[in-house]
């Protein structure tokens, strides 16, 4: 992935210096006895794709000067509830919190959506719209819009921290023909990073 896609001048200017981003890797260990892989499709699990996307997005955001905390749950000794996972954004005094996910349904459904909690703030909505616009631009999938619903990980995030949850694409879609190309995950990470950047520089 070319860093110039984030705009060379902005990289030189370190436009996110001083900003703190919390990225949550959806699924993994929680308070149950089994490891939660999330959705499955085309030889991939949601959790592994969530982690790959988070790490790529973190690398790009760090290039722009941001401090990035990736919260992931592959360690069986770290078992938190969804709300406890969301609360971690407050421990690092994050400026934004984004939980990264992928959908699966029937092998035919497609599209990208960004979710906010049922009790979302106005800033949550602004963040979600900024990210959704860039995800659609870089992934190029059907725009499923902004969805509002009760989400434990977002309810746990402190109200003062803008938060949303992204569902990049359906990993079981037949269009992938058994293999999800690395460039699709890279496009997800790029759209996410630019969307977060767009929000933070205008805040």
N, C-alpha and C. Protein backbone atom coordinates (compact mmCIF):
# COMPACT_ATOMS: atom_id res chain seq x y z
N UNK A 1 0.84 -1.19 0.00
CA UNK A 1 0.00 0.00 0.00
C UNK A 1 0.87 1.25 0.00
N UNK A 2 0.63 2.15 -0.89
CA UNK A 2 1.44 3.35 -1.01
C UNK A 2 1.02 4.40 0.00
N UNK A 3 2.00 4.89 0.75
CA UNK A 3 1.68 5.92 1.74
C UNK A 3 1.25 7.22 1.08
N UNK A 4 1.60 7.41 -0.20
CA UNK A 4 1.21 8.64 -0.87
C UNK A 4 -0.30 8.74 -0.98
N UNK A 5 -1.00 7.61 -0.84
CA UNK A 5 -2.45 7.63 -0.90
C UNK A 5 -3.05 8.40 0.27
N UNK A 6 -2.29 8.59 1.32
CA UNK A 6 -2.76 9.37 2.46
C UNK A 6 -2.41 10.84 2.30
N UNK A 7 -1.76 11.18 1.20
CA UNK A 7 -1.37 12.56 0.88
C UNK A 7 0.01 12.86 1.47
N UNK A 8 0.99 12.97 0.58
CA UNK A 8 2.37 13.20 1.00
C UNK A 8 2.52 14.42 1.89
N UNK A 9 1.83 15.50 1.56
CA UNK A 9 1.99 16.72 2.32
C UNK A 9 1.50 16.54 3.75
N UNK A 10 0.39 15.80 3.91
CA UNK A 10 -0.12 15.57 5.26
C UNK A 10 0.83 14.70 6.06
N UNK A 11 1.47 13.74 5.41
CA UNK A 11 2.44 12.91 6.11
C UNK A 11 3.59 13.78 6.61
N UNK A 12 4.08 14.67 5.75
CA UNK A 12 5.17 15.56 6.14
C UNK A 12 4.75 16.46 7.30
N UNK A 13 3.50 16.86 7.31
CA UNK A 13 3.02 17.78 8.34
C UNK A 13 2.62 17.08 9.64
N UNK A 14 2.58 15.72 9.62
CA UNK A 14 2.19 14.97 10.82
C UNK A 14 0.86 15.51 11.37
N UNK A 15 -0.16 15.49 10.55
CA UNK A 15 -1.41 16.16 10.87
C UNK A 15 -2.14 15.61 12.09
N UNK A 16 -1.83 14.39 12.50
CA UNK A 16 -2.51 13.81 13.66
C UNK A 16 -1.62 13.76 14.91
N UNK A 17 -0.54 14.51 14.89
CA UNK A 17 0.34 14.52 16.05
C UNK A 17 -0.43 14.98 17.28
N UNK A 18 -0.32 14.21 18.35
CA UNK A 18 -1.02 14.54 19.59
C UNK A 18 -2.38 13.88 19.71
N UNK A 19 -2.87 13.28 18.63
CA UNK A 19 -4.17 12.60 18.66
C UNK A 19 -3.97 11.13 19.06
N UNK A 20 -4.95 10.60 19.77
CA UNK A 20 -4.89 9.22 20.24
C UNK A 20 -6.07 8.44 19.67
N UNK A 21 -5.77 7.35 18.98
CA UNK A 21 -6.80 6.52 18.34
C UNK A 21 -6.81 5.14 18.99
N UNK A 22 -7.98 4.67 19.36
CA UNK A 22 -8.14 3.33 19.90
C UNK A 22 -8.86 2.46 18.87
N UNK A 23 -8.22 1.38 18.46
CA UNK A 23 -8.81 0.45 17.50
C UNK A 23 -9.08 -0.88 18.21
N UNK A 24 -10.32 -1.30 18.16
CA UNK A 24 -10.73 -2.54 18.80
C UNK A 24 -10.86 -3.65 17.77
N UNK A 25 -10.15 -4.76 18.00
CA UNK A 25 -10.25 -5.93 17.12
C UNK A 25 -11.45 -6.76 17.58
N UNK A 26 -12.49 -6.76 16.78
CA UNK A 26 -13.70 -7.47 17.16
C UNK A 26 -13.49 -8.96 17.32
N UNK A 27 -14.15 -9.54 18.34
CA UNK A 27 -14.13 -10.98 18.63
C UNK A 27 -12.81 -11.39 19.30
N UNK A 28 -12.55 -12.70 19.36
CA UNK A 28 -11.42 -13.19 20.14
C UNK A 28 -11.92 -13.69 21.49
N UNK A 29 -11.03 -13.74 22.48
CA UNK A 29 -11.42 -14.20 23.80
C UNK A 29 -12.34 -13.18 24.47
N UNK A 30 -13.32 -13.70 25.17
CA UNK A 30 -14.18 -12.85 25.99
C UNK A 30 -14.47 -13.59 27.29
N UNK A 31 -15.60 -13.38 27.88
CA UNK A 31 -15.87 -14.01 29.19
C UNK A 31 -16.41 -15.43 29.06
N UNK A 32 -16.56 -15.93 27.84
CA UNK A 32 -17.02 -17.31 27.66
C UNK A 32 -15.82 -18.27 27.61
N UNK A 33 -16.12 -19.54 27.53
CA UNK A 33 -15.05 -20.54 27.57
C UNK A 33 -14.40 -20.79 26.22
N UNK A 34 -15.03 -20.32 25.15
CA UNK A 34 -14.53 -20.60 23.81
C UNK A 34 -14.02 -19.34 23.12
N UNK A 35 -13.02 -19.51 22.27
CA UNK A 35 -12.50 -18.40 21.47
C UNK A 35 -13.54 -18.06 20.40
N UNK A 36 -13.90 -16.81 20.30
CA UNK A 36 -14.93 -16.36 19.36
C UNK A 36 -14.27 -15.88 18.07
N UNK A 37 -14.44 -16.66 17.00
CA UNK A 37 -13.82 -16.28 15.72
C UNK A 37 -14.69 -15.30 14.94
N UNK A 38 -15.94 -15.11 15.37
CA UNK A 38 -16.85 -14.25 14.62
C UNK A 38 -17.37 -14.95 13.38
N UNK A 39 -17.59 -14.18 12.33
CA UNK A 39 -18.09 -14.73 11.08
C UNK A 39 -17.01 -15.56 10.39
N UNK A 40 -17.44 -16.42 9.47
CA UNK A 40 -16.51 -17.24 8.70
C UNK A 40 -16.91 -17.25 7.24
N UNK A 41 -15.92 -17.32 6.36
CA UNK A 41 -16.22 -17.38 4.94
C UNK A 41 -14.99 -17.31 4.08
N UNK A 42 -14.99 -18.04 2.97
CA UNK A 42 -13.88 -18.04 2.01
C UNK A 42 -12.54 -18.34 2.67
N UNK A 43 -12.57 -19.26 3.62
CA UNK A 43 -11.32 -19.68 4.25
C UNK A 43 -10.79 -18.75 5.31
N UNK A 44 -11.55 -17.73 5.67
CA UNK A 44 -11.10 -16.77 6.66
C UNK A 44 -12.07 -16.70 7.84
N UNK A 45 -11.57 -16.26 8.97
CA UNK A 45 -12.43 -15.93 10.09
C UNK A 45 -12.45 -14.42 10.25
N UNK A 46 -13.54 -13.93 10.79
CA UNK A 46 -13.67 -12.49 10.99
C UNK A 46 -12.58 -11.97 11.91
N UNK A 47 -12.30 -12.68 12.99
CA UNK A 47 -11.33 -12.18 13.96
C UNK A 47 -9.96 -11.95 13.34
N UNK A 48 -9.51 -12.89 12.50
CA UNK A 48 -8.18 -12.72 11.90
C UNK A 48 -8.16 -11.57 10.91
N UNK A 49 -9.26 -11.37 10.18
CA UNK A 49 -9.33 -10.23 9.26
C UNK A 49 -9.46 -8.91 10.01
N UNK A 50 -10.20 -8.93 11.12
CA UNK A 50 -10.30 -7.72 11.95
C UNK A 50 -8.91 -7.29 12.43
N UNK A 51 -8.14 -8.28 12.88
CA UNK A 51 -6.80 -7.98 13.40
C UNK A 51 -5.89 -7.44 12.29
N UNK A 52 -5.93 -8.07 11.13
CA UNK A 52 -5.09 -7.62 10.02
C UNK A 52 -5.45 -6.20 9.62
N UNK A 53 -6.75 -5.90 9.58
CA UNK A 53 -7.19 -4.55 9.22
C UNK A 53 -6.74 -3.54 10.26
N UNK A 54 -6.90 -3.87 11.53
CA UNK A 54 -6.51 -2.96 12.61
C UNK A 54 -5.03 -2.64 12.56
N UNK A 55 -4.20 -3.66 12.35
CA UNK A 55 -2.75 -3.43 12.33
C UNK A 55 -2.32 -2.57 11.15
N UNK A 56 -2.95 -2.78 9.99
CA UNK A 56 -2.62 -1.97 8.81
C UNK A 56 -3.08 -0.53 9.00
N UNK A 57 -4.29 -0.35 9.55
CA UNK A 57 -4.80 0.99 9.79
C UNK A 57 -3.93 1.71 10.82
N UNK A 58 -3.50 0.99 11.84
CA UNK A 58 -2.65 1.58 12.87
C UNK A 58 -1.34 2.08 12.27
N UNK A 59 -0.75 1.29 11.39
CA UNK A 59 0.50 1.69 10.74
C UNK A 59 0.32 2.99 9.97
N UNK A 60 -0.77 3.09 9.24
CA UNK A 60 -1.03 4.30 8.45
C UNK A 60 -1.28 5.51 9.34
N UNK A 61 -2.05 5.32 10.40
CA UNK A 61 -2.35 6.43 11.31
C UNK A 61 -1.10 6.91 12.04
N UNK A 62 -0.21 5.99 12.37
CA UNK A 62 1.04 6.36 13.01
C UNK A 62 1.90 7.18 12.05
N UNK A 63 1.82 6.87 10.76
CA UNK A 63 2.55 7.65 9.76
C UNK A 63 2.09 9.10 9.77
N UNK A 64 0.83 9.31 10.08
CA UNK A 64 0.28 10.66 10.15
C UNK A 64 0.52 11.33 11.50
N UNK A 65 1.21 10.64 12.39
CA UNK A 65 1.58 11.24 13.66
C UNK A 65 0.74 10.82 14.85
N UNK A 66 -0.31 10.04 14.62
CA UNK A 66 -1.20 9.65 15.72
C UNK A 66 -0.55 8.61 16.62
N UNK A 67 -0.97 8.61 17.86
CA UNK A 67 -0.67 7.52 18.78
C UNK A 67 -1.82 6.54 18.67
N UNK A 68 -1.52 5.27 18.40
CA UNK A 68 -2.58 4.29 18.15
C UNK A 68 -2.45 3.12 19.12
N UNK A 69 -3.57 2.78 19.73
CA UNK A 69 -3.65 1.62 20.61
C UNK A 69 -4.55 0.59 19.95
N UNK A 70 -4.00 -0.58 19.67
CA UNK A 70 -4.79 -1.67 19.09
C UNK A 70 -5.14 -2.64 20.22
N UNK A 71 -6.42 -2.75 20.51
CA UNK A 71 -6.89 -3.66 21.54
C UNK A 71 -7.35 -4.96 20.87
N UNK A 72 -6.65 -6.03 21.10
CA UNK A 72 -7.05 -7.31 20.50
C UNK A 72 -6.99 -8.41 21.57
N UNK A 73 -7.72 -9.48 21.30
CA UNK A 73 -8.00 -10.45 22.34
C UNK A 73 -7.65 -11.88 21.92
N UNK A 74 -6.39 -12.07 21.54
CA UNK A 74 -5.90 -13.41 21.22
C UNK A 74 -5.24 -14.06 22.42
N UNK A 75 -5.06 -13.30 23.51
CA UNK A 75 -4.47 -13.82 24.74
C UNK A 75 -5.58 -14.37 25.64
N UNK A 76 -5.59 -15.67 25.91
CA UNK A 76 -6.66 -16.26 26.74
C UNK A 76 -6.69 -15.73 28.16
N UNK A 77 -5.61 -15.05 28.59
CA UNK A 77 -5.58 -14.48 29.92
C UNK A 77 -6.30 -13.13 30.00
N UNK A 78 -6.66 -12.59 28.82
CA UNK A 78 -7.36 -11.31 28.78
C UNK A 78 -8.79 -11.55 28.30
N UNK A 79 -9.67 -11.76 29.23
CA UNK A 79 -11.05 -12.09 28.90
C UNK A 79 -11.97 -11.02 29.48
N UNK A 80 -12.46 -10.17 28.60
CA UNK A 80 -13.30 -9.05 29.01
C UNK A 80 -14.66 -9.13 28.34
N UNK A 81 -15.64 -8.57 28.98
CA UNK A 81 -16.96 -8.44 28.36
C UNK A 81 -16.88 -7.36 27.29
N UNK A 82 -17.92 -7.28 26.45
CA UNK A 82 -17.93 -6.25 25.41
C UNK A 82 -17.84 -4.85 26.02
N UNK A 83 -18.58 -4.60 27.07
CA UNK A 83 -18.53 -3.27 27.69
C UNK A 83 -17.16 -2.98 28.28
N UNK A 84 -16.54 -3.98 28.85
CA UNK A 84 -15.20 -3.79 29.40
C UNK A 84 -14.20 -3.50 28.30
N UNK A 85 -14.39 -4.11 27.13
CA UNK A 85 -13.51 -3.82 26.00
C UNK A 85 -13.65 -2.37 25.56
N UNK A 86 -14.89 -1.88 25.52
CA UNK A 86 -15.12 -0.49 25.14
C UNK A 86 -14.53 0.49 26.13
N UNK A 87 -14.55 0.13 27.40
CA UNK A 87 -14.04 1.03 28.44
C UNK A 87 -12.54 1.29 28.31
N UNK A 88 -11.85 0.40 27.63
CA UNK A 88 -10.39 0.55 27.50
C UNK A 88 -10.01 1.82 26.76
N UNK A 89 -10.92 2.34 25.94
CA UNK A 89 -10.63 3.60 25.24
C UNK A 89 -10.40 4.73 26.23
N UNK A 90 -11.09 4.67 27.35
CA UNK A 90 -10.92 5.71 28.36
C UNK A 90 -9.60 5.60 29.09
N UNK A 91 -9.06 4.40 29.22
CA UNK A 91 -7.79 4.23 29.94
C UNK A 91 -6.63 4.83 29.19
N UNK A 92 -6.77 5.00 27.88
CA UNK A 92 -5.68 5.61 27.09
C UNK A 92 -6.03 7.03 26.66
N UNK A 93 -7.17 7.55 27.15
CA UNK A 93 -7.63 8.91 26.84
C UNK A 93 -7.74 9.12 25.34
N UNK A 94 -8.37 8.17 24.66
CA UNK A 94 -8.47 8.21 23.20
C UNK A 94 -9.34 9.36 22.72
N UNK A 95 -9.00 9.86 21.53
CA UNK A 95 -9.82 10.88 20.87
C UNK A 95 -10.94 10.25 20.07
N UNK A 96 -10.73 9.01 19.61
CA UNK A 96 -11.78 8.24 18.92
C UNK A 96 -11.59 6.76 19.23
N UNK A 97 -12.69 6.02 19.13
CA UNK A 97 -12.67 4.57 19.33
C UNK A 97 -13.43 3.93 18.18
N UNK A 98 -12.78 2.98 17.52
CA UNK A 98 -13.43 2.27 16.41
C UNK A 98 -13.26 0.77 16.61
N UNK A 99 -14.38 0.06 16.60
CA UNK A 99 -14.36 -1.40 16.69
C UNK A 99 -14.48 -1.95 15.27
N UNK A 100 -13.55 -2.83 14.89
CA UNK A 100 -13.44 -3.30 13.51
C UNK A 100 -14.05 -4.69 13.36
N UNK A 101 -14.94 -4.83 12.37
CA UNK A 101 -15.65 -6.08 12.16
C UNK A 101 -15.84 -6.35 10.66
N UNK A 102 -16.33 -7.57 10.38
CA UNK A 102 -16.72 -7.98 9.02
C UNK A 102 -18.04 -8.73 9.12
N UNK A 103 -18.85 -8.66 8.10
CA UNK A 103 -20.13 -9.35 8.06
C UNK A 103 -20.02 -10.72 7.40
N UNK A 104 -21.05 -11.53 7.57
CA UNK A 104 -21.28 -12.76 6.79
C UNK A 104 -22.77 -13.02 6.84
N UNK A 105 -23.32 -13.58 5.76
CA UNK A 105 -24.76 -13.84 5.78
C UNK A 105 -25.11 -15.10 4.99
N UNK A 106 -25.27 -14.95 3.67
CA UNK A 106 -25.75 -16.07 2.88
C UNK A 106 -24.91 -16.36 1.64
N UNK A 107 -23.71 -15.78 1.60
CA UNK A 107 -22.86 -15.97 0.44
C UNK A 107 -23.14 -15.03 -0.71
N UNK A 108 -24.25 -14.31 -0.62
CA UNK A 108 -24.64 -13.40 -1.69
C UNK A 108 -24.68 -11.94 -1.25
N UNK A 109 -24.95 -11.72 0.02
CA UNK A 109 -25.04 -10.34 0.52
C UNK A 109 -23.71 -9.63 0.37
N UNK A 110 -23.77 -8.35 0.05
CA UNK A 110 -22.56 -7.55 -0.13
C UNK A 110 -22.78 -6.16 0.46
N UNK A 111 -21.69 -5.47 0.68
CA UNK A 111 -21.81 -4.08 1.11
C UNK A 111 -21.01 -3.74 2.35
N UNK A 112 -20.97 -2.46 2.63
CA UNK A 112 -20.21 -1.88 3.73
C UNK A 112 -21.13 -1.02 4.58
N UNK A 113 -21.03 -1.16 5.89
CA UNK A 113 -21.83 -0.31 6.77
C UNK A 113 -21.02 0.07 8.00
N UNK A 114 -21.40 1.16 8.60
CA UNK A 114 -20.79 1.62 9.84
C UNK A 114 -21.91 1.79 10.85
N UNK A 115 -21.67 1.31 12.06
CA UNK A 115 -22.72 1.29 13.08
C UNK A 115 -22.39 2.23 14.24
N UNK A 116 -23.44 2.80 14.80
CA UNK A 116 -23.33 3.59 16.02
C UNK A 116 -24.30 3.01 17.03
N UNK A 117 -24.08 3.29 18.29
CA UNK A 117 -24.93 2.73 19.33
C UNK A 117 -26.32 3.36 19.32
N UNK A 118 -27.27 2.67 19.91
CA UNK A 118 -28.64 3.17 19.99
C UNK A 118 -28.73 4.46 20.78
N UNK A 119 -27.74 4.72 21.63
CA UNK A 119 -27.70 5.97 22.40
C UNK A 119 -26.53 6.84 21.94
N UNK A 120 -26.25 6.81 20.66
CA UNK A 120 -25.10 7.53 20.10
C UNK A 120 -25.21 9.03 20.29
N UNK A 121 -24.06 9.68 20.43
CA UNK A 121 -23.99 11.13 20.48
C UNK A 121 -23.91 11.69 19.06
N UNK A 122 -24.04 13.00 18.95
CA UNK A 122 -23.91 13.65 17.64
C UNK A 122 -22.51 13.42 17.07
N UNK A 123 -21.50 13.42 17.93
CA UNK A 123 -20.13 13.23 17.46
C UNK A 123 -19.91 11.79 16.97
N UNK A 124 -20.57 10.83 17.60
CA UNK A 124 -20.50 9.46 17.11
C UNK A 124 -20.97 9.40 15.66
N UNK A 125 -22.05 10.09 15.38
CA UNK A 125 -22.62 10.10 14.03
C UNK A 125 -21.69 10.77 13.03
N UNK A 126 -21.07 11.87 13.44
CA UNK A 126 -20.14 12.57 12.55
C UNK A 126 -18.94 11.68 12.23
N UNK A 127 -18.41 11.00 13.24
CA UNK A 127 -17.29 10.08 13.03
C UNK A 127 -17.69 8.96 12.08
N UNK A 128 -18.85 8.36 12.32
CA UNK A 128 -19.31 7.24 11.49
C UNK A 128 -19.47 7.66 10.04
N UNK A 129 -20.02 8.83 9.81
CA UNK A 129 -20.23 9.30 8.44
C UNK A 129 -18.90 9.55 7.73
N UNK A 130 -17.93 10.09 8.46
CA UNK A 130 -16.61 10.34 7.86
C UNK A 130 -15.95 9.03 7.46
N UNK A 131 -16.04 8.03 8.32
CA UNK A 131 -15.42 6.74 8.04
C UNK A 131 -16.17 6.01 6.93
N UNK A 132 -17.50 6.00 7.00
CA UNK A 132 -18.28 5.29 5.98
C UNK A 132 -17.99 5.83 4.58
N UNK A 133 -17.89 7.14 4.46
CA UNK A 133 -17.63 7.75 3.15
C UNK A 133 -16.31 7.25 2.56
N UNK A 134 -15.28 7.16 3.38
CA UNK A 134 -13.98 6.72 2.90
C UNK A 134 -13.94 5.20 2.66
N UNK A 135 -14.68 4.44 3.46
CA UNK A 135 -14.73 3.00 3.21
C UNK A 135 -15.38 2.71 1.86
N UNK A 136 -16.45 3.42 1.57
CA UNK A 136 -17.12 3.23 0.28
C UNK A 136 -16.19 3.64 -0.86
N UNK A 137 -15.47 4.73 -0.67
CA UNK A 137 -14.55 5.21 -1.70
C UNK A 137 -13.46 4.18 -1.99
N UNK A 138 -12.90 3.57 -0.96
CA UNK A 138 -11.73 2.71 -1.16
C UNK A 138 -12.08 1.24 -1.33
N UNK A 139 -13.17 0.78 -0.73
CA UNK A 139 -13.58 -0.61 -0.93
C UNK A 139 -14.42 -0.76 -2.20
N UNK A 140 -15.25 0.23 -2.46
CA UNK A 140 -16.06 0.20 -3.68
C UNK A 140 -17.25 -0.73 -3.63
N UNK A 141 -17.66 -1.16 -2.43
CA UNK A 141 -18.80 -2.06 -2.31
C UNK A 141 -20.09 -1.27 -2.09
N UNK A 142 -21.21 -1.96 -2.10
CA UNK A 142 -22.51 -1.34 -1.88
C UNK A 142 -22.53 -0.56 -0.57
N UNK A 143 -23.07 0.64 -0.62
CA UNK A 143 -23.16 1.49 0.56
C UNK A 143 -24.41 1.11 1.36
N UNK A 144 -24.22 0.41 2.47
CA UNK A 144 -25.33 0.01 3.32
C UNK A 144 -25.64 1.05 4.39
N UNK A 145 -24.88 2.14 4.38
CA UNK A 145 -25.18 3.29 5.22
C UNK A 145 -24.76 3.17 6.67
N UNK A 146 -25.30 4.10 7.47
CA UNK A 146 -25.05 4.16 8.91
C UNK A 146 -26.20 3.47 9.61
N UNK A 147 -25.89 2.50 10.46
CA UNK A 147 -26.91 1.76 11.20
C UNK A 147 -26.82 2.13 12.68
N UNK A 148 -27.97 2.27 13.31
CA UNK A 148 -27.99 2.58 14.74
C UNK A 148 -28.65 1.42 15.48
N UNK A 149 -27.93 0.84 16.46
CA UNK A 149 -28.44 -0.32 17.19
C UNK A 149 -27.68 -0.45 18.50
N UNK A 150 -28.25 -1.17 19.48
CA UNK A 150 -27.54 -1.35 20.75
C UNK A 150 -26.32 -2.24 20.57
N UNK A 151 -25.15 -1.73 20.90
CA UNK A 151 -23.89 -2.46 20.72
C UNK A 151 -23.07 -2.37 22.01
N UNK A 152 -22.84 -3.53 22.62
CA UNK A 152 -22.19 -3.55 23.92
C UNK A 152 -20.84 -2.86 23.97
N UNK A 153 -20.00 -3.09 22.96
CA UNK A 153 -18.66 -2.51 22.98
C UNK A 153 -18.72 -0.99 22.91
N UNK A 154 -19.70 -0.45 22.20
CA UNK A 154 -19.84 1.00 22.11
C UNK A 154 -20.49 1.57 23.36
N UNK A 155 -21.37 0.82 23.99
CA UNK A 155 -21.97 1.27 25.25
C UNK A 155 -20.92 1.37 26.34
N UNK A 156 -19.90 0.52 26.26
CA UNK A 156 -18.85 0.56 27.25
C UNK A 156 -17.89 1.72 27.07
N UNK A 157 -17.77 2.22 25.86
CA UNK A 157 -16.87 3.35 25.58
C UNK A 157 -17.37 4.60 26.29
N UNK A 158 -16.51 5.34 26.97
CA UNK A 158 -16.93 6.57 27.65
C UNK A 158 -17.67 7.51 26.70
N UNK A 159 -18.79 8.10 27.14
CA UNK A 159 -19.61 8.96 26.27
C UNK A 159 -18.85 10.12 25.63
N UNK A 160 -17.79 10.59 26.28
CA UNK A 160 -17.04 11.73 25.75
C UNK A 160 -16.15 11.36 24.57
N UNK A 161 -15.97 10.06 24.32
CA UNK A 161 -15.10 9.60 23.22
C UNK A 161 -15.96 9.19 22.04
N UNK A 162 -15.88 9.89 20.91
CA UNK A 162 -16.64 9.49 19.72
C UNK A 162 -16.31 8.05 19.34
N UNK A 163 -17.34 7.25 19.05
CA UNK A 163 -17.12 5.83 18.82
C UNK A 163 -18.06 5.29 17.75
N UNK A 164 -17.57 4.30 17.00
CA UNK A 164 -18.41 3.62 16.03
C UNK A 164 -17.85 2.23 15.78
N UNK A 165 -18.59 1.45 15.04
CA UNK A 165 -18.20 0.07 14.71
C UNK A 165 -18.34 -0.11 13.21
N UNK A 166 -17.31 -0.60 12.56
CA UNK A 166 -17.33 -0.76 11.11
C UNK A 166 -17.53 -2.23 10.72
N UNK A 167 -18.33 -2.44 9.69
CA UNK A 167 -18.54 -3.76 9.09
C UNK A 167 -18.09 -3.63 7.63
N UNK A 168 -16.79 -3.89 7.39
CA UNK A 168 -16.19 -3.56 6.10
C UNK A 168 -16.81 -4.24 4.90
N UNK A 169 -16.98 -5.57 4.99
CA UNK A 169 -17.57 -6.30 3.86
C UNK A 169 -17.97 -7.69 4.34
N UNK A 170 -18.72 -8.40 3.50
CA UNK A 170 -19.17 -9.75 3.81
C UNK A 170 -18.10 -10.76 3.40
N UNK A 171 -17.52 -11.44 4.38
CA UNK A 171 -16.39 -12.31 4.07
C UNK A 171 -16.83 -13.62 3.42
N UNK A 172 -18.12 -13.92 3.45
CA UNK A 172 -18.59 -15.14 2.80
C UNK A 172 -19.11 -14.90 1.38
N UNK A 173 -18.94 -13.68 0.86
CA UNK A 173 -19.48 -13.34 -0.46
C UNK A 173 -18.87 -14.21 -1.56
N UNK A 174 -19.74 -14.67 -2.44
CA UNK A 174 -19.29 -15.54 -3.54
C UNK A 174 -18.33 -14.82 -4.48
N UNK A 175 -18.38 -13.49 -4.48
CA UNK A 175 -17.51 -12.72 -5.38
C UNK A 175 -16.04 -12.98 -5.13
N UNK A 176 -15.67 -13.42 -3.93
CA UNK A 176 -14.27 -13.66 -3.60
C UNK A 176 -13.77 -15.02 -4.10
N UNK A 177 -14.69 -15.87 -4.49
CA UNK A 177 -14.35 -17.17 -5.09
C UNK A 177 -13.34 -17.97 -4.25
N UNK A 178 -13.57 -17.98 -2.96
CA UNK A 178 -12.75 -18.80 -2.08
C UNK A 178 -11.52 -18.13 -1.52
N UNK A 179 -11.17 -16.95 -2.02
CA UNK A 179 -9.98 -16.26 -1.53
C UNK A 179 -10.26 -14.77 -1.40
N UNK A 180 -10.00 -14.21 -0.22
CA UNK A 180 -10.15 -12.77 -0.04
C UNK A 180 -8.78 -12.13 -0.29
N UNK A 181 -8.64 -11.38 -1.38
CA UNK A 181 -7.33 -10.80 -1.73
C UNK A 181 -6.82 -9.85 -0.64
N UNK A 182 -5.51 -9.84 -0.44
CA UNK A 182 -4.91 -8.96 0.56
C UNK A 182 -5.23 -7.51 0.29
N UNK A 183 -5.39 -7.17 -1.00
CA UNK A 183 -5.66 -5.76 -1.32
C UNK A 183 -7.03 -5.30 -0.83
N UNK A 184 -7.94 -6.22 -0.61
CA UNK A 184 -9.25 -5.85 -0.08
C UNK A 184 -9.11 -5.43 1.38
N UNK A 185 -8.36 -6.20 2.15
CA UNK A 185 -8.10 -5.83 3.54
C UNK A 185 -7.32 -4.53 3.61
N UNK A 186 -6.38 -4.34 2.69
CA UNK A 186 -5.61 -3.10 2.65
C UNK A 186 -6.50 -1.90 2.33
N UNK A 187 -7.47 -2.10 1.43
CA UNK A 187 -8.39 -1.02 1.09
C UNK A 187 -9.26 -0.66 2.29
N UNK A 188 -9.67 -1.68 3.04
CA UNK A 188 -10.46 -1.45 4.27
C UNK A 188 -9.64 -0.61 5.24
N UNK A 189 -8.39 -1.01 5.47
CA UNK A 189 -7.53 -0.29 6.40
C UNK A 189 -7.28 1.14 5.94
N UNK A 190 -7.08 1.33 4.65
CA UNK A 190 -6.82 2.66 4.11
C UNK A 190 -8.04 3.55 4.27
N UNK A 191 -9.21 3.04 3.90
CA UNK A 191 -10.43 3.83 4.07
C UNK A 191 -10.67 4.19 5.52
N UNK A 192 -10.43 3.24 6.40
CA UNK A 192 -10.62 3.49 7.83
C UNK A 192 -9.66 4.57 8.33
N UNK A 193 -8.40 4.46 7.95
CA UNK A 193 -7.40 5.43 8.41
C UNK A 193 -7.71 6.84 7.89
N UNK A 194 -8.08 6.94 6.63
CA UNK A 194 -8.38 8.27 6.07
C UNK A 194 -9.66 8.83 6.68
N UNK A 195 -10.65 7.97 6.92
CA UNK A 195 -11.88 8.44 7.54
C UNK A 195 -11.64 8.98 8.93
N UNK A 196 -10.82 8.29 9.70
CA UNK A 196 -10.47 8.77 11.05
C UNK A 196 -9.70 10.08 10.94
N UNK A 197 -8.77 10.14 10.00
CA UNK A 197 -8.01 11.38 9.79
C UNK A 197 -8.93 12.53 9.45
N UNK A 198 -9.87 12.30 8.52
CA UNK A 198 -10.81 13.35 8.12
C UNK A 198 -11.56 13.90 9.33
N UNK A 199 -12.01 12.99 10.18
CA UNK A 199 -12.77 13.43 11.37
C UNK A 199 -11.89 14.23 12.32
N UNK A 200 -10.70 13.73 12.61
CA UNK A 200 -9.86 14.36 13.63
C UNK A 200 -9.32 15.72 13.20
N UNK A 201 -9.03 15.89 11.92
CA UNK A 201 -8.47 17.19 11.50
C UNK A 201 -9.56 18.27 11.46
N UNK A 202 -10.82 17.86 11.41
CA UNK A 202 -11.91 18.84 11.37
C UNK A 202 -12.51 19.10 12.74
N UNK A 203 -12.13 18.27 13.72
CA UNK A 203 -12.72 18.36 15.05
C UNK A 203 -12.27 19.62 15.76
